[in-house]
Every structure is written in structure tokens, then in C-alpha cells.
């Protein structure tokens, strides 16, 4: 563990001390616990956003029409895009 120093408004420190006393832990431990909870919650929210983006991409992909596209498009994509065969 590394030591660090932070500045807190009196009100925040007063609340932290009260909460730490209620939970019978140090203020430092309370800060670590609350910070971990906040970081985990943030990670979960970011994961949900990424999942939502994935769902959106799937919806968009389903709307795209590939009518008239060559049957071997995936296999020969470089040839169609760059008029070259990179194999």
C-alpha cells in the first residue's frame, strides 16, 4: 500500500469520521472501501454501455442490404476494395 495525502472539506471529513466510527473502521479504510465500490460501479456501467453499443451495431447490421453483393465478397475483400490480391 502506498501513502497519499488528500484535502477534504470539513463537511466531508466530518461525515467520513462519523461513518467510520459507526462501522468500526478507520477513515482510511472507509475511503478505500468507498473508492473500490465507486470504481466497480463505474466499470459495470461502462460494460453496460459497451453492450448497448454492440446491440445497436447488430440492429444496424441487420438493416443493411447485401443484395447485389458478390457471393465471394468476404473471401476476396482485398481484391474488391483495393483491386489487389494480397495473398
PDB file of N, CA and C in Angstrom:
ATOM      1  N   UNK A   1       0.836  -1.171   0.000  1.00  0.00           N
ATOM      2  CA  UNK A   1       0.000   0.000   0.000  1.00  0.00           C
ATOM      3  C   UNK A   1       0.884   1.239   0.000  1.00  0.00           C
ATOM      4  N   UNK A   2       0.449   2.249  -0.713  1.00  0.00           N
ATOM      5  CA  UNK A   2       1.201   3.495  -0.786  1.00  0.00           C
ATOM      6  C   UNK A   2       0.484   4.584  -0.009  1.00  0.00           C
ATOM      7  N   UNK A   3       1.259   5.421   0.609  1.00  0.00           N
ATOM      8  CA  UNK A   3       0.699   6.529   1.381  1.00  0.00           C
ATOM      9  C   UNK A   3       0.416   7.691   0.432  1.00  0.00           C
ATOM     10  N   UNK A   4      -0.714   8.337   0.658  1.00  0.00           N
ATOM     11  CA  UNK A   4      -1.057   9.516  -0.131  1.00  0.00           C
ATOM     12  C   UNK A   4      -1.747  10.525   0.776  1.00  0.00           C
ATOM     13  N   UNK A   5      -1.831  11.736   0.304  1.00  0.00           N
ATOM     14  CA  UNK A   5      -2.429  12.796   1.103  1.00  0.00           C
ATOM     15  C   UNK A   5      -3.479  13.494   0.256  1.00  0.00           C
ATOM     16  N   UNK A   6      -4.656  13.742   0.845  1.00  0.00           N
ATOM     17  CA  UNK A   6      -5.710  14.444   0.129  1.00  0.00           C
ATOM     18  C   UNK A   6      -6.274  15.553   1.014  1.00  0.00           C
ATOM     19  N   UNK A   7      -6.868  16.522   0.379  1.00  0.00           N
ATOM     20  CA  UNK A   7      -7.524  17.614   1.093  1.00  0.00           C
ATOM     21  C   UNK A   7      -9.027  17.422   0.954  1.00  0.00           C
ATOM     22  N   UNK A   8      -9.725  17.475   2.081  1.00  0.00           N
ATOM     23  CA  UNK A   8     -11.172  17.309   2.094  1.00  0.00           C
ATOM     24  C   UNK A   8     -11.824  18.493   2.766  1.00  0.00           C
ATOM     25  N   UNK A   9     -12.991  18.874   2.293  1.00  0.00           N
ATOM     26  CA  UNK A   9     -13.745  19.905   3.009  1.00  0.00           C
ATOM     27  C   UNK A   9     -14.133  19.364   4.394  1.00  0.00           C
ATOM     28  N   UNK A  10     -14.272  20.256   5.349  1.00  0.00           N
ATOM     29  CA  UNK A  10     -14.602  19.853   6.724  1.00  0.00           C
ATOM     30  C   UNK A  10     -15.851  18.986   6.773  1.00  0.00           C
ATOM     31  N   UNK A  11     -16.841  19.342   6.003  1.00  0.00           N
ATOM     32  CA  UNK A  11     -18.100  18.594   5.996  1.00  0.00           C
ATOM     33  C   UNK A  11     -17.867  17.140   5.592  1.00  0.00           C
ATOM     34  N   UNK A  12     -17.094  16.912   4.531  1.00  0.00           N
ATOM     35  CA  UNK A  12     -16.819  15.543   4.087  1.00  0.00           C
ATOM     36  C   UNK A  12     -16.059  14.754   5.157  1.00  0.00           C
ATOM     37  N   UNK A  13     -15.062  15.388   5.747  1.00  0.00           N
ATOM     38  CA  UNK A  13     -14.273  14.708   6.774  1.00  0.00           C
ATOM     39  C   UNK A  13     -15.142  14.360   7.984  1.00  0.00           C
ATOM     40  N   UNK A  14     -16.028  15.265   8.358  1.00  0.00           N
ATOM     41  CA  UNK A  14     -16.932  15.022   9.487  1.00  0.00           C
ATOM     42  C   UNK A  14     -17.828  13.808   9.192  1.00  0.00           C
ATOM     43  N   UNK A  15     -18.364  13.746   7.993  1.00  0.00           N
ATOM     44  CA  UNK A  15     -19.225  12.622   7.600  1.00  0.00           C
ATOM     45  C   UNK A  15     -18.421  11.324   7.560  1.00  0.00           C
ATOM     46  N   UNK A  16     -17.205  11.384   7.014  1.00  0.00           N
ATOM     47  CA  UNK A  16     -16.357  10.189   6.947  1.00  0.00           C
ATOM     48  C   UNK A  16     -16.032   9.661   8.340  1.00  0.00           C
ATOM     49  N   UNK A  17     -15.682  10.565   9.246  1.00  0.00           N
ATOM     50  CA  UNK A  17     -15.344  10.143  10.617  1.00  0.00           C
ATOM     51  C   UNK A  17     -16.535   9.494  11.298  1.00  0.00           C
ATOM     52  N   UNK A  18     -17.724  10.092  11.112  1.00  0.00           N
ATOM     53  CA  UNK A  18     -18.932   9.546  11.727  1.00  0.00           C
ATOM     54  C   UNK A  18     -19.231   8.153  11.170  1.00  0.00           C
ATOM     55  N   UNK A  19     -19.184   8.020   9.865  1.00  0.00           N
ATOM     56  CA  UNK A  19     -19.472   6.737   9.204  1.00  0.00           C
ATOM     57  C   UNK A  19     -18.436   5.682   9.589  1.00  0.00           C
ATOM     58  N   UNK A  20     -17.165   6.071   9.649  1.00  0.00           N
ATOM     59  CA  UNK A  20     -16.101   5.128  10.025  1.00  0.00           C
ATOM     60  C   UNK A  20     -16.299   4.637  11.458  1.00  0.00           C
ATOM     61  N   UNK A  21     -16.694   5.544  12.355  1.00  0.00           N
ATOM     62  CA  UNK A  21     -16.944   5.150  13.748  1.00  0.00           C
ATOM     63  C   UNK A  21     -18.122   4.181  13.833  1.00  0.00           C
ATOM     64  N   UNK A  22     -19.169   4.446  13.040  1.00  0.00           N
ATOM     65  CA  UNK A  22     -20.338   3.557  13.024  1.00  0.00           C
ATOM     66  C   UNK A  22     -19.963   2.154  12.539  1.00  0.00           C
ATOM     67  N   UNK A  23     -19.064   2.084  11.578  1.00  0.00           N
ATOM     68  CA  UNK A  23     -18.671   0.791  11.009  1.00  0.00           C
ATOM     69  C   UNK A  23     -17.460   0.200  11.727  1.00  0.00           C
ATOM     70  N   UNK A  24     -16.928   0.931  12.705  1.00  0.00           N
ATOM     71  CA  UNK A  24     -15.775   0.493  13.498  1.00  0.00           C
ATOM     72  C   UNK A  24     -14.559   0.191  12.621  1.00  0.00           C
ATOM     73  N   UNK A  25     -14.295   1.112  11.686  1.00  0.00           N
ATOM     74  CA  UNK A  25     -13.108   1.023  10.834  1.00  0.00           C
ATOM     75  C   UNK A  25     -12.458   2.395  10.775  1.00  0.00           C
ATOM     76  N   UNK A  26     -11.238   2.443  10.257  1.00  0.00           N
ATOM     77  CA  UNK A  26     -10.552   3.734  10.146  1.00  0.00           C
ATOM     78  C   UNK A  26     -11.125   4.532   8.975  1.00  0.00           C
ATOM     79  N   UNK A  27     -10.890   5.831   9.017  1.00  0.00           N
ATOM     80  CA  UNK A  27     -11.321   6.698   7.925  1.00  0.00           C
ATOM     81  C   UNK A  27     -10.639   6.253   6.632  1.00  0.00           C
ATOM     82  N   UNK A  28      -9.363   5.903   6.717  1.00  0.00           N
ATOM     83  CA  UNK A  28      -8.626   5.456   5.529  1.00  0.00           C
ATOM     84  C   UNK A  28      -9.263   4.216   4.911  1.00  0.00           C
ATOM     85  N   UNK A  29      -9.630   3.260   5.764  1.00  0.00           N
ATOM     86  CA  UNK A  29     -10.268   2.028   5.266  1.00  0.00           C
ATOM     87  C   UNK A  29     -11.610   2.345   4.626  1.00  0.00           C
ATOM     88  N   UNK A  30     -12.372   3.228   5.234  1.00  0.00           N
ATOM     89  CA  UNK A  30     -13.666   3.621   4.682  1.00  0.00           C
ATOM     90  C   UNK A  30     -13.489   4.258   3.298  1.00  0.00           C
ATOM     91  N   UNK A  31     -12.494   5.124   3.176  1.00  0.00           N
ATOM     92  CA  UNK A  31     -12.228   5.762   1.878  1.00  0.00           C
ATOM     93  C   UNK A  31     -11.871   4.704   0.839  1.00  0.00           C
ATOM     94  N   UNK A  32     -11.010   3.732   1.214  1.00  0.00           N
ATOM     95  CA  UNK A  32     -10.628   2.669   0.274  1.00  0.00           C
ATOM     96  C   UNK A  32     -11.847   1.851  -0.156  1.00  0.00           C
ATOM     97  N   UNK A  33     -12.701   1.499   0.806  1.00  0.00           N
ATOM     98  CA  UNK A  33     -13.897   0.704   0.501  1.00  0.00           C
ATOM     99  C   UNK A  33     -14.816   1.472  -0.444  1.00  0.00           C
ATOM    100  N   UNK A  34     -15.090   2.720  -0.116  1.00  0.00           N
ATOM    101  CA  UNK A  34     -15.998   3.533  -0.933  1.00  0.00           C
ATOM    102  C   UNK A  34     -15.419   3.781  -2.320  1.00  0.00           C
ATOM    103  N   UNK A  35     -14.127   3.976  -2.400  1.00  0.00           N
ATOM    104  CA  UNK A  35     -13.484   4.176  -3.691  1.00  0.00           C
ATOM    105  C   UNK A  35     -13.584   2.911  -4.543  1.00  0.00           C
ATOM    106  N   UNK A  36     -13.327   1.752  -3.930  1.00  0.00           N
ATOM    107  CA  UNK A  36     -13.475   0.485  -4.650  1.00  0.00           C
ATOM    108  C   UNK A  36     -14.900   0.300  -5.157  1.00  0.00           C
ATOM    109  N   UNK A  37     -15.886   0.566  -4.296  1.00  0.00           N
ATOM    110  CA  UNK A  37     -17.292   0.428  -4.703  1.00  0.00           C
ATOM    111  C   UNK A  37     -17.601   1.332  -5.887  1.00  0.00           C
ATOM    112  N   UNK A  38     -17.107   2.546  -5.835  1.00  0.00           N
ATOM    113  CA  UNK A  38     -17.357   3.501  -6.905  1.00  0.00           C
ATOM    114  C   UNK A  38     -16.692   3.061  -8.211  1.00  0.00           C
ATOM    115  N   UNK A  39     -15.462   2.572  -8.115  1.00  0.00           N
ATOM    116  CA  UNK A  39     -14.747   2.141  -9.314  1.00  0.00           C
ATOM    117  C   UNK A  39     -15.396   0.915  -9.939  1.00  0.00           C
ATOM    118  N   UNK A  40     -15.834  -0.028  -9.109  1.00  0.00           N
ATOM    119  CA  UNK A  40     -16.512  -1.218  -9.626  1.00  0.00           C
ATOM    120  C   UNK A  40     -17.816  -0.814 -10.298  1.00  0.00           C
ATOM    121  N   UNK A  41     -18.577   0.057  -9.657  1.00  0.00           N
ATOM    122  CA  UNK A  41     -19.841   0.522 -10.227  1.00  0.00           C
ATOM    123  C   UNK A  41     -19.592   1.197 -11.573  1.00  0.00           C
ATOM    124  N   UNK A  42     -18.532   1.987 -11.655  1.00  0.00           N
ATOM    125  CA  UNK A  42     -18.180   2.669 -12.902  1.00  0.00           C
ATOM    126  C   UNK A  42     -17.828   1.656 -13.991  1.00  0.00           C
ATOM    127  N   UNK A  43     -17.073   0.609 -13.630  1.00  0.00           N
ATOM    128  CA  UNK A  43     -16.722  -0.435 -14.598  1.00  0.00           C
ATOM    129  C   UNK A  43     -17.964  -1.147 -15.111  1.00  0.00           C
ATOM    130  N   UNK A  44     -18.906  -1.425 -14.225  1.00  0.00           N
ATOM    131  CA  UNK A  44     -20.144  -2.102 -14.611  1.00  0.00           C
ATOM    132  C   UNK A  44     -20.942  -1.215 -15.564  1.00  0.00           C
ATOM    133  N   UNK A  45     -21.017   0.078 -15.275  1.00  0.00           N
ATOM    134  CA  UNK A  45     -21.754   0.999 -16.146  1.00  0.00           C
ATOM    135  C   UNK A  45     -21.098   1.074 -17.517  1.00  0.00           C
ATOM    136  N   UNK A  46     -19.767   1.102 -17.562  1.00  0.00           N
ATOM    137  CA  UNK A  46     -19.071   1.130 -18.852  1.00  0.00           C
ATOM    138  C   UNK A  46     -19.326  -0.146 -19.636  1.00  0.00           C
ATOM    139  N   UNK A  47     -19.362  -1.279 -18.949  1.00  0.00           N
ATOM    140  CA  UNK A  47     -19.642  -2.547 -19.608  1.00  0.00           C
ATOM    141  C   UNK A  47     -21.039  -2.533 -20.203  1.00  0.00           C
ATOM    142  N   UNK A  48     -22.011  -2.002 -19.459  1.00  0.00           N
ATOM    143  CA  UNK A  48     -23.384  -1.920 -19.976  1.00  0.00           C
ATOM    144  C   UNK A  48     -23.438  -1.036 -21.207  1.00  0.00           C
ATOM    145  N   UNK A  49     -22.699   0.075 -21.201  1.00  0.00           N
ATOM    146  CA  UNK A  49     -22.670   0.962 -22.373  1.00  0.00           C
ATOM    147  C   UNK A  49     -22.112   0.222 -23.574  1.00  0.00           C
ATOM    148  N   UNK A  50     -21.026  -0.543 -23.364  1.00  0.00           N
ATOM    149  CA  UNK A  50     -20.431  -1.293 -24.470  1.00  0.00           C
ATOM    150  C   UNK A  50     -21.402  -2.341 -24.996  1.00  0.00           C
ATOM    151  N   UNK A  51     -22.134  -3.005 -24.101  1.00  0.00           N
ATOM    152  CA  UNK A  51     -23.118  -3.990 -24.531  1.00  0.00           C
ATOM    153  C   UNK A  51     -24.214  -3.316 -25.349  1.00  0.00           C
ATOM    154  N   UNK A  52     -24.633  -2.117 -24.927  1.00  0.00           N
ATOM    155  CA  UNK A  52     -25.654  -1.391 -25.667  1.00  0.00           C
ATOM    156  C   UNK A  52     -25.155  -1.002 -27.047  1.00  0.00           C
ATOM    157  N   UNK A  53     -23.904  -0.629 -27.162  1.00  0.00           N
ATOM    158  CA  UNK A  53     -23.328  -0.293 -28.464  1.00  0.00           C
ATOM    159  C   UNK A  53     -23.315  -1.534 -29.344  1.00  0.00           C
ATOM    160  N   UNK A  54     -22.984  -2.684 -28.765  1.00  0.00           N
ATOM    161  CA  UNK A  54     -22.987  -3.930 -29.521  1.00  0.00           C
ATOM    162  C   UNK A  54     -24.375  -4.262 -30.045  1.00  0.00           C
ATOM    163  N   UNK A  55     -25.397  -4.077 -29.210  1.00  0.00           N
ATOM    164  CA  UNK A  55     -26.776  -4.317 -29.645  1.00  0.00           C
ATOM    165  C   UNK A  55     -27.146  -3.366 -30.782  1.00  0.00           C
ATOM    166  N   UNK A  56     -26.733  -2.117 -30.660  1.00  0.00           N
ATOM    167  CA  UNK A  56     -27.017  -1.139 -31.709  1.00  0.00           C
ATOM    168  C   UNK A  56     -26.347  -1.557 -33.016  1.00  0.00           C
ATOM    169  N   UNK A  57     -25.083  -1.976 -32.948  1.00  0.00           N
ATOM    170  CA  UNK A  57     -24.393  -2.411 -34.152  1.00  0.00           C
ATOM    171  C   UNK A  57     -25.091  -3.607 -34.799  1.00  0.00           C
ATOM    172  N   UNK A  58     -25.565  -4.535 -33.990  1.00  0.00           N
ATOM    173  CA  UNK A  58     -26.301  -5.678 -34.529  1.00  0.00           C
ATOM    174  C   UNK A  58     -27.575  -5.238 -35.236  1.00  0.00           C
ATOM    175  N   UNK A  59     -28.295  -4.284 -34.640  1.00  0.00           N
ATOM    176  CA  UNK A  59     -29.519  -3.782 -35.275  1.00  0.00           C
ATOM    177  C   UNK A  59     -29.191  -3.125 -36.615  1.00  0.00           C
ATOM    178  N   UNK A  60     -28.130  -2.321 -36.645  1.00  0.00           N
ATOM    179  CA  UNK A  60     -27.743  -1.651 -37.883  1.00  0.00           C
ATOM    180  C   UNK A  60     -27.340  -2.676 -38.941  1.00  0.00           C
ATOM    181  N   UNK A  61     -26.566  -3.672 -38.533  1.00  0.00           N
ATOM    182  CA  UNK A  61     -26.109  -4.695 -39.476  1.00  0.00           C
ATOM    183  C   UNK A  61     -27.283  -5.454 -40.084  1.00  0.00           C
ATOM    184  N   UNK A  62     -28.320  -5.684 -39.292  1.00  0.00           N
ATOM    185  CA  UNK A  62     -29.487  -6.403 -39.800  1.00  0.00           C
ATOM    186  C   UNK A  62     -30.251  -5.582 -40.841  1.00  0.00           C
ATOM    187  N   UNK A  63     -30.146  -4.256 -40.752  1.00  0.00           N
ATOM    188  CA  UNK A  63     -30.854  -3.380 -41.687  1.00  0.00           C
ATOM    189  C   UNK A  63     -30.119  -3.225 -43.018  1.00  0.00           C
ATOM    190  N   UNK A  64     -28.820  -3.504 -43.029  1.00  0.00           N
ATOM    191  CA  UNK A  64     -28.013  -3.313 -44.235  1.00  0.00           C
ATOM    192  C   UNK A  64     -28.361  -4.397 -45.237  1.00  0.00           C
ATOM    193  N   UNK A  65     -28.534  -3.983 -46.458  1.00  0.00           N
ATOM    194  CA  UNK A  65     -28.866  -4.931 -47.518  1.00  0.00           C
ATOM    195  C   UNK A  65     -27.610  -5.287 -48.301  1.00  0.00           C
ATOM    196  N   UNK A  66     -27.428  -6.564 -48.551  1.00  0.00           N
ATOM    197  CA  UNK A  66     -26.283  -7.013 -49.334  1.00  0.00           C
ATOM    198  C   UNK A  66     -26.736  -7.540 -50.694  1.00  0.00           C
ATOM    199  N   UNK A  67     -27.900  -7.095 -51.140  1.00  0.00           N
ATOM    200  CA  UNK A  67     -28.399  -7.512 -52.442  1.00  0.00           C
ATOM    201  C   UNK A  67     -27.447  -7.011 -53.519  1.00  0.00           C
ATOM    202  N   UNK A  68     -27.089  -7.872 -54.401  1.00  0.00           N
ATOM    203  CA  UNK A  68     -26.198  -7.489 -55.499  1.00  0.00           C
ATOM    204  C   UNK A  68     -24.730  -7.592 -55.141  1.00  0.00           C
ATOM    205  N   UNK A  69     -24.419  -7.903 -53.888  1.00  0.00           N
ATOM    206  CA  UNK A  69     -23.014  -8.057 -53.486  1.00  0.00           C
ATOM    207  C   UNK A  69     -22.494  -9.390 -54.013  1.00  0.00           C
ATOM    208  N   UNK A  70     -21.227  -9.441 -54.389  1.00  0.00           N
ATOM    209  CA  UNK A  70     -20.664 -10.704 -54.879  1.00  0.00           C
ATOM    210  C   UNK A  70     -20.742 -11.790 -53.811  1.00  0.00           C
ATOM    211  N   UNK A  71     -20.949 -13.006 -54.219  1.00  0.00           N
ATOM    212  CA  UNK A  71     -21.056 -14.126 -53.289  1.00  0.00           C
ATOM    213  C   UNK A  71     -19.734 -14.383 -52.572  1.00  0.00           C
ATOM    214  N   UNK A  72     -18.618 -14.027 -53.202  1.00  0.00           N
ATOM    215  CA  UNK A  72     -17.296 -14.278 -52.605  1.00  0.00           C
ATOM    216  C   UNK A  72     -16.702 -13.018 -51.978  1.00  0.00           C
ATOM    217  N   UNK A  73     -17.551 -12.091 -51.564  1.00  0.00           N
ATOM    218  CA  UNK A  73     -17.088 -10.800 -51.030  1.00  0.00           C
ATOM    219  C   UNK A  73     -16.161 -10.975 -49.824  1.00  0.00           C
ATOM    220  N   UNK A  74     -16.545 -11.808 -48.869  1.00  0.00           N
ATOM    221  CA  UNK A  74     -15.718 -11.998 -47.677  1.00  0.00           C
ATOM    222  C   UNK A  74     -14.373 -12.613 -48.039  1.00  0.00           C
ATOM    223  N   UNK A  75     -14.386 -13.564 -48.947  1.00  0.00           N
ATOM    224  CA  UNK A  75     -13.163 -14.273 -49.338  1.00  0.00           C
ATOM    225  C   UNK A  75     -12.216 -13.373 -50.132  1.00  0.00           C
ATOM    226  N   UNK A  76     -12.760 -12.527 -50.967  1.00  0.00           N
ATOM    227  CA  UNK A  76     -11.939 -11.692 -51.863  1.00  0.00           C
ATOM    228  C   UNK A  76     -12.081 -10.202 -51.577  1.00  0.00           C
ATOM    229  N   UNK A  77     -12.227  -9.849 -50.316  1.00  0.00           N
ATOM    230  CA  UNK A  77     -12.449  -8.458 -49.946  1.00  0.00           C
ATOM    231  C   UNK A  77     -11.326  -7.535 -50.423  1.00  0.00           C
ATOM    232  N   UNK A  78     -10.067  -7.946 -50.267  1.00  0.00           N
ATOM    233  CA  UNK A  78      -8.946  -7.103 -50.695  1.00  0.00           C
ATOM    234  C   UNK A  78      -9.013  -6.816 -52.191  1.00  0.00           C
ATOM    235  N   UNK A  79      -9.381  -7.822 -52.956  1.00  0.00           N
ATOM    236  CA  UNK A  79      -9.457  -7.633 -54.414  1.00  0.00           C
ATOM    237  C   UNK A  79     -10.543  -6.614 -54.748  1.00  0.00           C
ATOM    238  N   UNK A  80     -11.680  -6.704 -54.060  1.00  0.00           N
ATOM    239  CA  UNK A  80     -12.771  -5.762 -54.338  1.00  0.00           C
ATOM    240  C   UNK A  80     -12.465  -4.357 -53.817  1.00  0.00           C
ATOM    241  N   UNK A  81     -11.826  -4.253 -52.660  1.00  0.00           N
ATOM    242  CA  UNK A  81     -11.540  -2.941 -52.084  1.00  0.00           C
ATOM    243  C   UNK A  81     -10.363  -2.239 -52.749  1.00  0.00           C
ATOM    244  N   UNK A  82      -9.283  -2.979 -52.967  1.00  0.00           N
ATOM    245  CA  UNK A  82      -8.032  -2.358 -53.416  1.00  0.00           C
ATOM    246  C   UNK A  82      -7.615  -2.785 -54.818  1.00  0.00           C
ATOM    247  N   UNK A  83      -8.410  -3.625 -55.437  1.00  0.00           N
ATOM    248  CA  UNK A  83      -8.099  -4.167 -56.754  1.00  0.00           C
ATOM    249  C   UNK A  83      -6.749  -4.870 -56.743  1.00  0.00           C
ATOM    250  N   UNK A  84      -6.429  -5.511 -55.611  1.00  0.00           N
ATOM    251  CA  UNK A  84      -5.177  -6.255 -55.450  1.00  0.00           C
ATOM    252  C   UNK A  84      -5.459  -7.542 -54.687  1.00  0.00           C
ATOM    253  N   UNK A  85      -4.644  -8.522 -54.920  1.00  0.00           N
ATOM    254  CA  UNK A  85      -4.734  -9.767 -54.157  1.00  0.00           C
ATOM    255  C   UNK A  85      -3.493  -9.826 -53.272  1.00  0.00           C
ATOM    256  N   UNK A  86      -3.681  -9.692 -51.941  1.00  0.00           N
ATOM    257  CA  UNK A  86      -2.543  -9.634 -51.020  1.00  0.00           C
ATOM    258  C   UNK A  86      -2.074 -11.001 -50.539  1.00  0.00           C
ATOM    259  N   UNK A  87      -2.567 -12.060 -51.117  1.00  0.00           N
ATOM    260  CA  UNK A  87      -2.131 -13.398 -50.693  1.00  0.00           C
ATOM    261  C   UNK A  87      -0.820 -13.771 -51.279  1.00  0.00           C
TER     262      UNK A  87
END
